N, C-alpha and C. Protein backbone atom coordinates (compact mmCIF):
# COMPACT_ATOMS: atom_id res chain seq x y z
N MET A 1 10.17 -19.90 25.28
CA MET A 1 9.77 -18.61 24.64
C MET A 1 11.06 -18.99 23.52
N SER A 2 10.28 -18.20 22.34
CA SER A 2 11.45 -17.66 21.18
C SER A 2 10.88 -16.65 20.68
N ILE A 3 11.32 -16.31 20.01
CA ILE A 3 11.44 -14.88 19.46
C ILE A 3 11.51 -15.07 17.75
N THR A 4 10.65 -13.35 17.81
CA THR A 4 10.22 -13.39 16.52
C THR A 4 10.90 -12.36 15.95
N PRO A 5 11.45 -11.92 14.76
CA PRO A 5 12.10 -10.74 14.22
C PRO A 5 10.89 -10.43 13.65
N MET A 6 10.69 -8.71 14.17
CA MET A 6 10.14 -8.10 13.28
C MET A 6 10.32 -6.95 13.12
N TRP A 7 9.46 -6.35 11.95
CA TRP A 7 10.09 -5.49 11.12
C TRP A 7 8.65 -4.51 11.56
N ARG A 8 9.20 -2.94 11.64
CA ARG A 8 7.57 -2.26 11.44
C ARG A 8 8.34 -0.73 10.80
N VAL A 9 7.06 -0.79 9.81
CA VAL A 9 7.01 0.62 8.58
C VAL A 9 6.90 1.86 8.61
N ASP A 10 7.73 2.58 9.28
CA ASP A 10 7.59 3.73 9.94
C ASP A 10 6.62 4.65 9.49
N ARG A 11 6.30 4.61 8.53
CA ARG A 11 5.01 5.46 7.75
C ARG A 11 3.65 5.74 8.49
N ASP A 12 3.52 4.60 8.55
CA ASP A 12 1.87 3.58 8.65
C ASP A 12 1.91 2.80 9.83
N GLY A 13 2.80 2.28 10.55
CA GLY A 13 3.64 1.59 11.93
C GLY A 13 3.09 0.32 12.20
N SER A 14 2.61 -0.46 11.23
CA SER A 14 2.63 -1.75 10.42
C SER A 14 3.24 -2.63 10.55
N MET A 15 3.48 -4.17 11.46
CA MET A 15 4.46 -5.13 11.85
C MET A 15 4.60 -6.28 10.46
N PHE A 16 5.41 -5.88 10.01
CA PHE A 16 5.35 -7.72 9.86
C PHE A 16 6.92 -8.79 10.30
N THR A 17 6.23 -9.88 9.76
CA THR A 17 7.67 -11.32 10.50
C THR A 17 8.47 -11.76 8.72
N ASP A 18 8.36 -10.63 7.70
CA ASP A 18 9.05 -10.46 6.76
C ASP A 18 9.41 -9.23 6.62
N LYS A 19 10.55 -9.15 6.07
CA LYS A 19 12.35 -8.27 6.19
C LYS A 19 11.55 -7.24 4.71
N LYS A 20 11.46 -9.05 3.76
CA LYS A 20 11.25 -8.32 2.53
C LYS A 20 9.66 -7.45 2.22
N ALA A 21 8.49 -8.83 3.01
CA ALA A 21 7.35 -8.41 2.73
C ALA A 21 7.24 -6.32 3.55
N ALA A 22 7.31 -6.16 4.90
CA ALA A 22 8.18 -4.79 4.78
C ALA A 22 8.32 -3.63 3.89
N GLU A 23 9.66 -4.51 3.23
CA GLU A 23 10.06 -2.96 2.68
C GLU A 23 9.38 -3.56 0.88
N GLU A 24 8.47 -3.85 0.81
CA GLU A 24 7.65 -3.71 0.05
C GLU A 24 6.51 -2.75 0.29
N HIS A 25 5.93 -3.41 1.20
CA HIS A 25 5.02 -2.46 2.05
C HIS A 25 4.96 -1.27 1.84
N ASP A 26 6.42 -0.78 2.22
CA ASP A 26 7.39 1.03 2.57
C ASP A 26 6.84 1.77 1.10
N ARG A 27 7.60 0.38 -0.42
CA ARG A 27 7.47 1.10 -1.23
C ARG A 27 6.29 1.45 -1.87
N MET A 28 5.10 1.01 -1.14
CA MET A 28 3.96 1.00 -1.33
C MET A 28 3.71 2.30 -0.94
N LEU A 29 4.10 2.42 -0.18
CA LEU A 29 3.14 3.72 0.77
C LEU A 29 4.07 4.62 0.46
N GLU A 30 5.22 4.69 0.42
CA GLU A 30 5.81 5.73 -0.72
C GLU A 30 5.65 6.29 -2.06
N LEU A 31 4.87 5.48 -2.31
CA LEU A 31 4.50 5.54 -3.84
C LEU A 31 3.05 6.15 -3.88
N ALA A 32 2.06 5.90 -3.04
CA ALA A 32 1.26 6.34 -2.70
C ALA A 32 1.21 7.76 -2.03
N ASP A 33 2.14 8.01 -0.92
CA ASP A 33 2.52 9.54 -1.28
C ASP A 33 2.71 10.19 -2.10
N GLY A 34 3.38 10.25 -3.18
CA GLY A 34 4.02 10.32 -4.34
C GLY A 34 2.55 10.70 -5.25
N ILE A 35 1.59 9.64 -5.31
CA ILE A 35 0.37 10.24 -5.73
C ILE A 35 -0.20 11.39 -5.22
N THR A 36 -0.52 11.20 -3.78
CA THR A 36 -1.54 11.81 -3.22
C THR A 36 -0.40 13.11 -3.41
N GLY A 37 0.44 13.43 -3.19
CA GLY A 37 1.30 14.91 -3.89
C GLY A 37 0.64 15.14 -5.15
N MET A 38 1.33 13.87 -5.91
CA MET A 38 0.44 15.10 -7.12
C MET A 38 -0.89 15.36 -7.60
N LEU A 39 -1.45 14.13 -7.01
CA LEU A 39 -3.17 14.70 -7.09
C LEU A 39 -3.58 16.38 -6.48
N GLU A 40 -2.80 16.17 -5.01
CA GLU A 40 -3.04 17.10 -4.77
C GLU A 40 -2.29 18.43 -5.19
N ALA A 41 -1.29 18.28 -5.78
CA ALA A 41 -0.48 19.43 -6.32
C ALA A 41 -1.05 20.10 -8.09
N ASN A 42 -1.96 19.25 -8.28
CA ASN A 42 -2.80 19.16 -10.13
C ASN A 42 -4.53 19.58 -10.13
N PHE A 43 -5.14 18.89 -8.34
CA PHE A 43 -6.28 19.10 -8.93
C PHE A 43 -7.39 19.77 -7.00
N LYS A 44 -7.85 20.38 -7.27
CA LYS A 44 -8.27 20.87 -5.83
C LYS A 44 -9.64 19.36 -5.48
N ILE A 45 -8.73 19.28 -4.47
CA ILE A 45 -9.02 17.42 -4.25
C ILE A 45 -9.28 17.77 -2.41
N ASP A 46 -10.10 16.41 -1.70
CA ASP A 46 -10.27 16.41 -0.14
C ASP A 46 -8.88 15.73 -0.40
N GLU A 47 -8.09 16.62 0.77
CA GLU A 47 -6.58 15.47 1.46
C GLU A 47 -6.53 14.00 1.26
N GLN A 48 -8.35 13.38 2.03
CA GLN A 48 -8.33 12.19 2.35
C GLN A 48 -8.83 11.21 1.21
N LEU A 49 -9.50 12.11 0.01
CA LEU A 49 -9.67 11.23 -1.30
C LEU A 49 -8.63 11.03 -1.85
N ALA A 50 -7.55 12.35 -2.17
CA ALA A 50 -6.22 11.42 -2.74
C ALA A 50 -5.61 10.87 -2.08
N GLU A 51 -5.68 10.39 -0.64
CA GLU A 51 -4.76 9.45 -0.11
C GLU A 51 -5.20 8.10 -0.45
N GLU A 52 -6.46 8.19 -0.20
CA GLU A 52 -7.61 6.54 -0.94
C GLU A 52 -6.98 6.33 -1.84
N ILE A 53 -6.98 7.52 -3.31
CA ILE A 53 -7.25 7.38 -4.40
C ILE A 53 -5.40 6.74 -4.39
N GLY A 54 -4.20 7.88 -3.99
CA GLY A 54 -3.21 7.42 -3.59
C GLY A 54 -2.64 5.43 -3.35
N LEU A 55 -3.26 5.35 -2.57
CA LEU A 55 -3.16 4.29 -1.60
C LEU A 55 -3.70 2.98 -3.02
N LEU A 56 -5.13 3.29 -3.42
CA LEU A 56 -5.32 2.19 -4.61
C LEU A 56 -4.67 2.17 -5.62
N LEU A 57 -4.19 3.25 -6.16
CA LEU A 57 -3.19 3.62 -7.26
C LEU A 57 -1.80 1.93 -7.27
N SER A 58 -1.58 2.68 -6.07
CA SER A 58 -0.02 1.85 -5.62
C SER A 58 -0.71 0.43 -5.50
N ARG A 59 -1.36 -0.09 -4.54
CA ARG A 59 -1.82 -1.27 -4.53
C ARG A 59 -2.01 -2.57 -5.08
N ASN A 60 -2.61 -1.28 -6.66
CA ASN A 60 -2.39 -2.09 -7.87
C ASN A 60 -1.41 -1.51 -8.98
N LYS A 61 -0.27 -0.94 -8.57
CA LYS A 61 0.58 -0.46 -10.07
C LYS A 61 0.46 -1.07 -10.47
N ASP A 62 0.83 -3.08 -10.42
CA ASP A 62 1.26 -3.96 -11.49
C ASP A 62 -0.34 -4.08 -12.63
N ILE A 63 -1.58 -3.94 -12.01
CA ILE A 63 -2.52 -4.18 -13.10
C ILE A 63 -2.62 -2.96 -13.28
N LEU A 64 -2.23 -1.88 -13.20
CA LEU A 64 -2.09 0.01 -13.75
C LEU A 64 -1.17 -0.34 -14.85
N ALA A 65 -0.32 -1.04 -15.07
CA ALA A 65 0.91 -0.57 -15.63
C ALA A 65 0.70 -1.47 -16.83
N LYS A 66 -0.23 -2.80 -16.42
CA LYS A 66 -0.44 -3.70 -17.70
C LYS A 66 -1.66 -2.29 -18.61
N ALA A 67 -2.44 -1.88 -17.70
CA ALA A 67 -3.96 -1.86 -18.55
C ALA A 67 -2.97 -0.07 -19.38
N LEU A 68 -1.92 0.57 -18.94
CA LEU A 68 -1.65 1.88 -19.21
C LEU A 68 -0.88 0.84 -20.46
N LYS A 69 -0.37 -0.45 -21.16
CA LYS A 69 0.25 -1.37 -22.35
C LYS A 69 -0.66 -1.62 -23.28
N GLY A 70 -1.97 -0.98 -22.51
CA GLY A 70 -2.90 -1.55 -23.80
C GLY A 70 -4.23 -2.92 -23.54
N LYS A 71 -4.32 -2.85 -22.30
CA LYS A 71 -4.79 -3.90 -22.01
C LYS A 71 -5.91 -3.58 -20.89
N PRO A 72 -6.92 -2.49 -21.37
CA PRO A 72 -7.15 -1.42 -20.60
C PRO A 72 -8.55 -2.68 -19.71
N GLU A 73 -9.02 -3.26 -19.97
CA GLU A 73 -9.97 -4.52 -19.27
C GLU A 73 -9.58 -5.11 -18.40
N ILE A 74 -7.83 -4.83 -18.07
CA ILE A 74 -8.00 -5.75 -17.02
C ILE A 74 -8.02 -4.81 -15.73
N LEU A 75 -8.39 -3.49 -15.52
CA LEU A 75 -8.77 -2.52 -14.73
C LEU A 75 -9.74 -2.59 -13.65
N GLN A 76 -10.97 -3.94 -14.17
CA GLN A 76 -12.35 -4.41 -13.45
C GLN A 76 -11.43 -5.64 -12.93
N GLU A 77 -9.90 -5.67 -12.46
CA GLU A 77 -9.97 -6.60 -11.42
C GLU A 77 -9.48 -5.97 -10.38
N VAL A 78 -9.36 -4.33 -10.34
CA VAL A 78 -8.85 -3.85 -8.77
C VAL A 78 -10.24 -3.69 -8.39
N LYS A 79 -10.01 -3.89 -7.12
CA LYS A 79 -11.32 -3.62 -6.00
C LYS A 79 -10.56 -2.62 -4.96
N LEU A 80 -11.29 -2.07 -4.25
CA LEU A 80 -11.15 -1.19 -3.35
C LEU A 80 -11.04 -2.03 -1.71
N GLU A 81 -9.62 -2.16 -1.66
CA GLU A 81 -9.57 -2.50 -0.07
C GLU A 81 -9.32 -1.28 0.78
N SER A 82 -9.47 -2.04 1.95
CA SER A 82 -8.70 -1.04 3.24
C SER A 82 -7.63 -1.99 3.65
N GLU A 83 -7.52 -2.80 3.17
CA GLU A 83 -6.35 -2.99 3.79
C GLU A 83 -5.68 -3.55 2.29
N PRO A 84 -4.11 -3.64 2.49
CA PRO A 84 -3.20 -4.36 1.14
C PRO A 84 -3.50 -5.59 0.77
N ALA A 85 -3.10 -6.14 -0.46
CA ALA A 85 -3.79 -6.89 -0.85
C ALA A 85 -2.76 -8.42 -0.53
N GLU A 86 -1.55 -8.36 0.15
CA GLU A 86 -0.85 -9.04 0.85
C GLU A 86 -1.07 -8.67 2.18
N ASN A 87 -1.63 -9.96 2.90
CA ASN A 87 -1.68 -9.88 4.62
C ASN A 87 -0.59 -10.73 5.25
N ASN A 88 0.66 -9.93 5.30
CA ASN A 88 1.18 -10.24 5.39
C ASN A 88 1.70 -9.60 7.30
N THR A 89 0.72 -7.95 7.51
CA THR A 89 0.81 -7.43 8.51
C THR A 89 0.40 -8.20 9.79
N VAL A 90 1.29 -8.00 10.73
CA VAL A 90 0.90 -8.73 12.34
C VAL A 90 0.00 -7.69 13.10
N ASP A 91 -0.69 -7.97 13.63
CA ASP A 91 -1.02 -6.53 14.94
C ASP A 91 0.03 -7.01 15.87
N ILE A 92 0.75 -5.53 16.88
CA ILE A 92 1.76 -5.74 17.22
C ILE A 92 1.08 -6.31 18.59
N ARG A 93 -0.01 -6.17 19.35
CA ARG A 93 -0.69 -7.08 20.04
C ARG A 93 -0.23 -8.06 20.27
N GLU A 94 -1.28 -8.46 19.28
CA GLU A 94 -0.56 -10.30 18.82
C GLU A 94 1.04 -10.90 18.78
N ALA A 95 1.80 -10.25 18.64
CA ALA A 95 2.77 -11.18 18.40
C ALA A 95 3.89 -10.71 20.13
N ILE A 96 3.11 -9.94 20.33
CA ILE A 96 4.37 -9.45 21.84
C ILE A 96 3.03 -10.47 23.05
N ALA A 97 2.28 -11.13 22.81
CA ALA A 97 0.79 -11.82 23.25
C ALA A 97 1.96 -13.04 23.52
């Protein structure tokens, strides 16, 4: 039997086998939470929509930063997705099986 170290992100419960990936995911969720709060404070917006926009922007922060620096055409690379771009998450049921 082998032991695999796992890191769990408290914000959403996702599990990672890599500490760096877990920390990066947590930072992305923290940014998304901040964006969501900003949207809700400044606009009359549905909470779910605000969360989805926050996640979309935080997952694509590098592309957004380049667009804000004068390359708006790069925004065409942004895709809606239900999971983070990096698929380092692990289903806990698979990890303990």
